[in-house]
Protein backbone atom coordinates (compact mmCIF):
# COMPACT_ATOMS: atom_id res chain seq x y z
CA UNK A 1 191.95 80.29 -93.43
CA UNK A 2 194.42 78.95 -95.59
CA UNK A 3 195.39 76.35 -92.99
CA UNK A 4 191.83 74.99 -92.61
CA UNK A 5 191.62 74.90 -96.63
CA UNK A 6 194.72 72.82 -96.46
CA UNK A 7 193.47 70.54 -93.81
CA UNK A 8 190.27 70.25 -95.90
CA UNK A 9 192.10 69.57 -99.03
CA UNK A 10 194.05 66.88 -97.27
CA UNK A 11 191.24 65.24 -95.59
CA UNK A 12 189.20 65.04 -99.01
CA UNK A 13 192.27 63.59 -100.60
CA UNK A 14 192.59 60.87 -97.98
CA UNK A 15 188.88 60.17 -97.36
CA UNK A 16 186.79 58.10 -99.49
CA UNK A 17 184.99 60.97 -101.48
CA UNK A 18 183.53 58.47 -103.83
CA UNK A 19 181.77 56.38 -101.31
CA UNK A 20 180.41 59.81 -99.72
CA UNK A 21 179.21 60.72 -102.98
CA UNK A 22 177.21 57.47 -103.49
CA UNK A 23 175.70 57.89 -100.10
CA UNK A 24 174.77 61.55 -100.85
CA UNK A 25 173.23 60.78 -104.08
CA UNK A 26 171.20 57.72 -102.84
CA UNK A 27 169.75 59.90 -99.79
CA UNK A 28 168.93 62.92 -101.98
CA UNK A 29 167.09 60.57 -104.44
CA UNK A 30 165.42 58.98 -101.35
CA UNK A 31 164.43 62.38 -100.25
CA UNK A 32 162.73 63.02 -103.65
CA UNK A 33 160.93 59.99 -103.21
CA UNK A 34 159.82 60.68 -99.63
CA UNK A 35 158.36 64.00 -100.61
CA UNK A 36 156.24 62.15 -103.13
CA UNK A 37 155.20 59.57 -100.87
CA UNK A 38 153.94 62.19 -97.96
CA UNK A 39 152.53 64.88 -100.63
CA UNK A 40 149.09 63.56 -100.31
CA UNK A 41 149.26 64.37 -96.60
CA UNK A 42 149.87 67.99 -97.10
CA UNK A 43 152.63 67.99 -94.83
CA UNK A 44 156.38 67.82 -95.62
CA UNK A 45 157.39 67.26 -91.99
CA UNK A 46 159.09 63.82 -92.78
CA UNK A 47 161.26 65.63 -95.48
CA UNK A 48 162.64 68.24 -93.08
CA UNK A 49 163.34 65.64 -90.51
CA UNK A 50 165.20 63.51 -93.04
CA UNK A 51 167.18 66.42 -94.08
CA UNK A 52 167.93 67.28 -90.29
CA UNK A 53 168.90 63.69 -89.96
CA UNK A 54 171.13 63.87 -93.34
CA UNK A 55 173.01 66.92 -91.59
CA UNK A 56 173.55 65.24 -88.32
CA UNK A 57 174.59 62.00 -90.31
CA UNK A 58 177.11 64.05 -92.16
CA UNK A 59 178.74 65.43 -89.11
CA UNK A 60 178.96 62.04 -87.51
CA UNK A 61 180.45 60.80 -91.03
CA UNK A 62 183.32 63.43 -90.55
CA UNK A 63 183.63 62.57 -86.83
CA UNK A 64 183.88 58.57 -87.18
CA UNK A 65 186.20 59.10 -90.34
CA UNK A 66 188.88 60.75 -88.11
CA UNK A 67 188.29 58.95 -84.83
CA UNK A 68 190.49 55.81 -84.66
CA UNK A 69 188.14 52.88 -84.64
CA UNK A 70 190.66 51.19 -82.27
CA UNK A 71 189.68 53.94 -79.72
CA UNK A 72 186.00 53.16 -80.03
CA UNK A 73 186.62 49.38 -79.87
CA UNK A 74 188.62 49.63 -76.56
CA UNK A 75 185.32 51.15 -75.06
CA UNK A 76 183.28 47.88 -76.07
CA UNK A 77 182.41 46.83 -72.56
CA UNK A 78 180.69 50.10 -71.46
CA UNK A 79 179.24 50.73 -74.76
CA UNK A 80 177.82 47.15 -74.93
CA UNK A 81 176.14 47.65 -71.50
CA UNK A 82 174.79 50.98 -72.44
CA UNK A 83 173.34 49.50 -75.64
CA UNK A 84 171.74 46.46 -74.02
CA UNK A 85 170.11 48.77 -71.54
CA UNK A 86 168.64 51.14 -74.22
CA UNK A 87 167.24 48.11 -75.90
CA UNK A 88 165.89 46.79 -72.73
CA UNK A 89 164.28 50.06 -71.64
CA UNK A 90 162.00 49.36 -74.84
CA UNK A 91 160.09 47.04 -72.64
CA UNK A 92 158.59 50.01 -70.60
CA UNK A 93 158.95 53.04 -72.51
CA UNK A 94 159.06 51.94 -76.13
CA UNK A 95 156.36 53.44 -78.59
CA UNK A 96 154.10 50.82 -80.29
CA UNK A 97 154.13 51.33 -84.21
CA UNK A 98 153.55 48.67 -86.92
CA UNK A 99 153.25 45.78 -84.35
CA UNK A 100 156.36 46.35 -82.24
CA UNK A 101 157.61 48.68 -79.60
CA UNK A 102 160.96 49.64 -81.42
CA UNK A 103 160.67 53.59 -80.85
CA UNK A 104 161.32 55.95 -77.94
CA UNK A 105 159.44 59.09 -78.59
CA UNK A 106 159.88 62.59 -76.96
CA UNK A 107 158.97 65.98 -78.02
CA UNK A 108 157.46 64.74 -81.27
CA UNK A 109 160.94 62.95 -82.27
CA UNK A 110 161.10 59.24 -82.52
CA UNK A 111 164.54 57.40 -82.00
CA UNK A 112 165.11 53.74 -82.86
CA UNK A 113 167.66 52.19 -80.48
CA UNK A 114 168.15 49.01 -82.58
CA UNK A 115 169.30 51.25 -85.67
CA UNK A 116 171.66 53.41 -83.56
CA UNK A 117 173.58 50.68 -81.74
CA UNK A 118 174.37 48.80 -84.89
CA UNK A 119 177.40 50.52 -85.10
CA UNK A 120 178.42 49.46 -81.58
CA UNK A 121 177.51 45.87 -82.22
CA UNK A 122 179.36 45.81 -85.44
CA UNK A 123 182.63 47.40 -83.96
CA UNK A 124 182.43 45.06 -80.83
CA UNK A 125 181.81 41.91 -82.79
CA UNK A 126 184.86 42.88 -85.13
CA UNK A 127 187.05 43.85 -82.25
CA UNK A 128 186.41 40.61 -80.46
CA UNK A 129 186.48 38.40 -83.42
CA UNK A 130 190.03 40.08 -84.71
CA UNK A 131 191.54 39.67 -81.28
CA UNK A 132 190.68 35.93 -81.09
CA UNK A 133 192.11 35.55 -84.59
CA UNK A 134 195.38 37.38 -83.64
CA UNK A 135 195.63 35.15 -80.72
CA UNK A 136 194.71 32.13 -82.76
CA UNK A 137 191.71 31.13 -80.68
CA UNK A 138 188.98 31.94 -83.02
CA UNK A 139 188.02 28.20 -83.36
CA UNK A 140 188.28 27.58 -79.61
CA UNK A 141 185.11 26.62 -78.14
CA UNK A 142 185.16 29.37 -75.63
CA UNK A 143 185.64 31.72 -78.24
CA UNK A 144 182.96 30.82 -80.47
CA UNK A 145 180.66 30.25 -77.28
CA UNK A 146 181.54 33.96 -76.15
CA UNK A 147 180.82 35.50 -79.60
CA UNK A 148 177.67 33.58 -80.09
CA UNK A 149 176.40 34.50 -76.57
CA UNK A 150 177.01 38.09 -77.08
CA UNK A 151 175.08 37.93 -80.61
CA UNK A 152 172.24 35.98 -78.72
CA UNK A 153 171.89 38.50 -76.16
CA UNK A 154 171.31 41.39 -78.57
CA UNK A 155 169.13 39.25 -80.92
CA UNK A 156 166.93 37.92 -77.88
CA UNK A 157 166.65 41.49 -76.23
CA UNK A 158 165.68 43.09 -79.44
CA UNK A 159 162.80 40.37 -79.84
CA UNK A 160 161.71 40.10 -76.42
CA UNK A 161 161.82 44.01 -75.64
CA UNK A 162 160.51 45.46 -78.87
CA UNK A 163 159.07 42.53 -80.86
CA UNK A 164 161.22 43.97 -83.83
CA UNK A 165 162.08 40.60 -85.66
CA UNK A 166 163.39 42.38 -88.66
CA UNK A 167 166.27 44.57 -86.77
CA UNK A 168 167.07 41.45 -85.07
CA UNK A 169 167.50 39.47 -88.05
CA UNK A 170 170.03 42.11 -89.44
CA UNK A 171 172.06 41.83 -86.27
CA UNK A 172 172.12 37.79 -86.84
CA UNK A 173 173.48 38.27 -90.64
CA UNK A 174 176.13 40.73 -89.36
CA UNK A 175 177.25 38.09 -87.04
CA UNK A 176 177.39 35.51 -89.51
CA UNK A 177 179.11 37.66 -91.93
CA UNK A 178 181.83 38.74 -89.63
CA UNK A 179 182.61 35.17 -88.46
CA UNK A 180 182.76 33.87 -91.98
CA UNK A 181 184.98 36.68 -93.08
CA UNK A 182 187.51 36.12 -90.08
CA UNK A 183 187.86 32.55 -91.38
CA UNK A 184 186.18 30.56 -88.77
CA UNK A 185 186.52 26.72 -89.35
CA UNK A 186 183.95 24.97 -91.56
CA UNK A 187 183.07 22.37 -88.91
CA UNK A 188 181.59 25.29 -86.86
CA UNK A 189 179.43 26.36 -90.00
CA UNK A 190 178.46 22.73 -90.36
CA UNK A 191 177.57 22.50 -86.62
CA UNK A 192 175.46 25.75 -86.83
CA UNK A 193 173.51 24.48 -89.73
CA UNK A 194 172.64 21.20 -87.97
CA UNK A 195 171.57 22.97 -84.94
CA UNK A 196 169.32 25.27 -87.10
CA UNK A 197 167.73 22.39 -88.82
CA UNK A 198 167.20 20.62 -85.53
CA UNK A 199 166.08 23.62 -83.89
CA UNK A 200 163.65 24.72 -86.75
CA UNK A 201 160.53 23.13 -85.32
CA UNK A 202 160.86 24.60 -82.13
CA UNK A 203 161.42 28.08 -83.36
CA UNK A 204 158.59 27.67 -85.78
CA UNK A 205 156.15 26.51 -83.38
CA UNK A 206 157.22 28.44 -80.12
CA UNK A 207 159.32 31.28 -81.22
CA UNK A 208 157.37 32.80 -84.31
CA UNK A 209 153.82 34.04 -83.53
CA UNK A 210 150.88 33.28 -86.29
CA UNK A 211 151.50 36.64 -88.19
CA UNK A 212 155.19 35.79 -88.97
CA UNK A 213 154.48 32.08 -89.89
CA UNK A 214 151.54 33.20 -92.21
CA UNK A 215 153.91 35.54 -93.99
CA UNK A 216 156.49 33.26 -94.60
CA UNK A 217 154.00 30.45 -95.91
CA UNK A 218 152.10 32.93 -98.00
CA UNK A 219 155.19 33.33 -100.17
CA UNK A 220 154.96 29.75 -101.13
CA UNK A 221 151.33 28.88 -100.82
CA UNK A 222 149.55 32.18 -101.24
CA UNK A 223 146.19 30.52 -102.36
CA UNK A 224 146.01 28.40 -99.23
CA UNK A 225 147.25 31.20 -96.68
CA UNK A 226 145.38 34.21 -98.03
CA UNK A 227 143.31 33.41 -101.10
CA UNK A 228 141.32 36.74 -101.04
CA UNK A 229 144.77 38.81 -101.01
CA UNK A 230 143.36 41.00 -98.22
CA UNK A 231 145.23 39.45 -95.39
CA UNK A 232 148.97 38.97 -94.93
CA UNK A 233 149.47 39.59 -98.48
CA UNK A 234 147.45 42.91 -98.77
CA UNK A 235 150.76 45.02 -98.39
CA UNK A 236 152.71 43.01 -100.81
CA UNK A 237 150.15 42.70 -103.48
CA UNK A 238 149.78 46.68 -103.21
CA UNK A 239 153.50 47.11 -103.63
CA UNK A 240 153.50 44.83 -106.51
CA UNK A 241 150.80 46.32 -108.32
CA UNK A 242 152.33 49.97 -108.00
CA UNK A 243 155.82 48.73 -109.25
CA UNK A 244 154.04 46.77 -112.37
CA UNK A 245 151.90 49.88 -113.05
CA UNK A 246 155.03 51.94 -113.31
CA UNK A 247 156.03 50.22 -116.37
CA UNK A 248 159.65 51.13 -117.76
CA UNK A 249 159.67 54.89 -117.11
CA UNK A 250 157.01 55.24 -114.31
CA UNK A 251 154.21 57.34 -114.26
CA UNK A 252 156.03 60.48 -113.30
CA UNK A 253 157.14 62.33 -110.14
CA UNK A 254 154.30 63.13 -107.86
CA UNK A 255 151.75 61.28 -110.41
CA UNK A 256 151.69 57.73 -109.10
CA UNK A 257 148.04 56.53 -108.64
CA UNK A 258 148.52 54.63 -105.44
CA UNK A 259 151.43 57.02 -104.18
CA UNK A 260 149.34 60.14 -104.33
CA UNK A 261 146.33 58.71 -102.76
CA UNK A 262 148.20 57.16 -99.85
CA UNK A 263 147.03 53.72 -100.77
CA UNK A 264 150.46 52.04 -100.44
CA UNK A 265 151.13 50.93 -96.86
CA UNK A 266 154.01 52.66 -94.97
CA UNK A 267 155.04 54.25 -98.33
CA UNK A 268 157.43 56.58 -97.14
CA UNK A 269 159.62 54.02 -95.43
CA UNK A 270 159.05 50.29 -95.73
CA UNK A 271 157.60 50.54 -99.01
CA UNK A 272 159.55 53.30 -100.47
CA UNK A 273 160.92 51.01 -103.40
CA UNK A 274 157.08 50.59 -104.45
CA UNK A 275 156.96 54.30 -104.59
CA UNK A 276 160.05 54.50 -106.65
CA UNK A 277 158.62 51.82 -108.98
CA UNK A 278 155.45 53.34 -109.50
CA UNK A 279 156.75 56.77 -110.45
CA UNK A 280 160.01 56.12 -111.97
CA UNK A 281 159.43 52.75 -113.30
CA UNK A 282 161.91 49.91 -113.79
CA UNK A 283 164.72 52.28 -114.67
CA UNK A 284 164.29 54.19 -111.42
CA UNK A 285 164.30 50.51 -109.57
CA UNK A 286 167.57 49.55 -111.31
CA UNK A 287 169.29 52.83 -110.32
CA UNK A 288 168.34 52.20 -106.66
CA UNK A 289 169.81 48.83 -106.90
CA UNK A 290 172.99 49.86 -108.76
CA UNK A 291 173.59 52.61 -106.08
CA UNK A 292 173.22 50.26 -103.31
CA UNK A 293 175.33 47.56 -104.75
CA UNK A 294 177.99 49.82 -105.49
CA UNK A 295 177.97 51.01 -101.90
CA UNK A 296 178.28 47.51 -100.71
CA UNK A 297 181.09 46.68 -103.10
CA UNK A 298 183.05 49.60 -102.24
CA UNK A 299 182.63 48.76 -98.22
CA UNK A 300 183.75 45.17 -99.14
CA UNK A 301 186.77 46.69 -101.09
CA UNK A 302 187.99 48.97 -98.45
CA UNK A 303 187.80 46.04 -96.10
CA UNK A 304 189.92 43.68 -98.39
CA UNK A 305 192.42 46.41 -98.73
CA UNK A 306 192.71 47.29 -95.09
CA UNK A 307 195.77 45.90 -93.19
CA UNK A 308 193.71 45.73 -90.04
CA UNK A 309 191.89 42.79 -88.69
CA UNK A 310 189.44 45.11 -86.97
CA UNK A 311 189.10 47.61 -89.80
CA UNK A 312 188.68 44.75 -92.31
CA UNK A 313 185.84 42.84 -90.27
CA UNK A 314 184.12 46.32 -89.34
CA UNK A 315 183.72 47.14 -93.11
CA UNK A 316 182.43 43.57 -93.71
CA UNK A 317 179.93 43.87 -91.15
CA UNK A 318 178.76 47.35 -92.42
CA UNK A 319 178.55 45.81 -95.75
CA UNK A 320 176.37 42.83 -94.49
CA UNK A 321 174.24 45.40 -92.64
CA UNK A 322 173.22 47.32 -95.85
CA UNK A 323 173.16 44.23 -98.04
CA UNK A 324 170.65 42.08 -95.87
CA UNK A 325 168.31 45.30 -95.38
CA UNK A 326 168.60 45.82 -99.30
CA UNK A 327 167.68 42.14 -100.25
CA UNK A 328 165.02 41.87 -97.67
CA UNK A 329 163.36 45.21 -98.43
CA UNK A 330 163.48 44.70 -102.08
CA UNK A 331 162.08 41.18 -101.54
CA UNK A 332 159.24 42.02 -99.57
CA UNK A 333 158.15 44.72 -102.17
CA UNK A 334 158.06 42.38 -105.02
CA UNK A 335 156.82 39.60 -103.07
CA UNK A 336 159.71 37.02 -102.69
CA UNK A 337 160.55 37.76 -98.99
CA UNK A 338 158.25 38.11 -95.95
CA UNK A 339 157.20 41.72 -94.75
CA UNK A 340 159.19 42.15 -91.69
CA UNK A 341 159.25 46.08 -91.56
CA UNK A 342 162.99 46.85 -92.66
CA UNK A 343 163.59 49.88 -94.36
CA UNK A 344 165.80 50.46 -97.67
CA UNK A 345 169.01 51.92 -96.94
CA UNK A 346 169.63 55.73 -97.73
CA UNK A 347 166.25 55.93 -99.41
CA UNK A 348 163.48 55.08 -96.68
CA UNK A 349 162.46 57.71 -94.21
CA UNK A 350 163.98 57.21 -90.94
CA UNK A 351 166.25 59.59 -89.08
CA UNK A 352 167.82 57.00 -87.04
CA UNK A 353 168.61 54.74 -89.92
CA UNK A 354 170.03 57.74 -91.73
CA UNK A 355 172.30 58.90 -88.88
CA UNK A 356 173.52 55.26 -88.42
CA UNK A 357 174.12 54.88 -92.04
CA UNK A 358 176.35 57.83 -92.40
CA UNK A 359 178.12 57.26 -89.18
CA UNK A 360 178.96 53.70 -90.34
CA UNK A 361 180.28 55.18 -93.93
CA UNK A 362 182.52 57.36 -91.80
CA UNK A 363 183.98 54.25 -89.99
CA UNK A 364 184.62 52.78 -93.39
CA UNK A 365 186.38 56.07 -94.70
CA UNK A 366 188.23 56.05 -91.61
CA UNK A 367 189.34 52.37 -92.24
CA UNK A 368 190.78 53.62 -95.84
CA UNK A 369 192.57 56.48 -94.25
CA UNK A 370 194.40 54.68 -91.59
CA UNK A 371 195.93 51.29 -92.69
CA UNK A 372 197.53 48.92 -90.22
CA UNK A 373 200.05 46.40 -90.06
CA UNK A 374 199.42 42.85 -91.47
CA UNK A 375 196.70 41.67 -93.94
CA UNK A 376 193.80 39.98 -92.45
CA UNK A 377 191.25 37.89 -94.04
CA UNK A 378 190.74 34.50 -95.10
């Protein structure tokens, strides 16, 4: 027993308890908000599922914090193959919800593959990028092509197999941030921007459907796209109204008018920020943003302090994942970003998301615990 306590004490001393505390506080506050969001249904099933996911996530946090990330990265080929097959399977066994087929459901439980395999994608991209960097081949055309092709396969399969544009964009942002942090030359960045500008008309007319195009245009010309406010802007307008009605301190827990009648769309997940704004006001919204910002900053700090190329880039990729989802989710809730179905990290309902996030935090904590040889960043 004493040996166990000594080992636990040593682990807590070496691991990042500050990061873990931030994640736990955020998730517990999210649980409170979820309990309010589903209260009108008379069922607390979502709360119990989220609690179960939290327990599993904590277990994976400890596992990933003690397992060397290099071991995980060395298995990138079979892990990538399994990941892509899992995404592809959505084409046939995916369960439709919210306009896409992003879930696999069995025994009343839904699993979102695109969430769970983010870890594999981040570690794989960090590993391959750091390896090219170490060999001074990061800017070689074959290296850039290989990394871009891998990211494109993930992006394309997610969109084609499930129609989940939101998750696909998260992968794209992770890819961009990892390459930038690795120090890819500016001419590749400039070339990519030129390519995107030239490809924009094709993407707009042939890749995006009418729903996505209207959601983007509605941000800039709402009166023309949705003059009644009951079309593509319906969800955003309800969210903005709920946040505005909360004022500074909110209407109180379990007392939000829209929340308690279930009028908010997808209020336990995509629009949980609106629930928090209505019941806890601007103060609650600020607390959420501060907590998530601190988590992102902590991931970046640990990455910058790491002397491992792989560890550094993995932390940056994880920070990018949380950062993009936070900006997009808050943005769509207040009407400055299109609604694409991304959850708010740690706060939104979603077992797959919570498990993935805590596993990712375990990797970050593990990087802090296991320094390596030479500093690696721009």
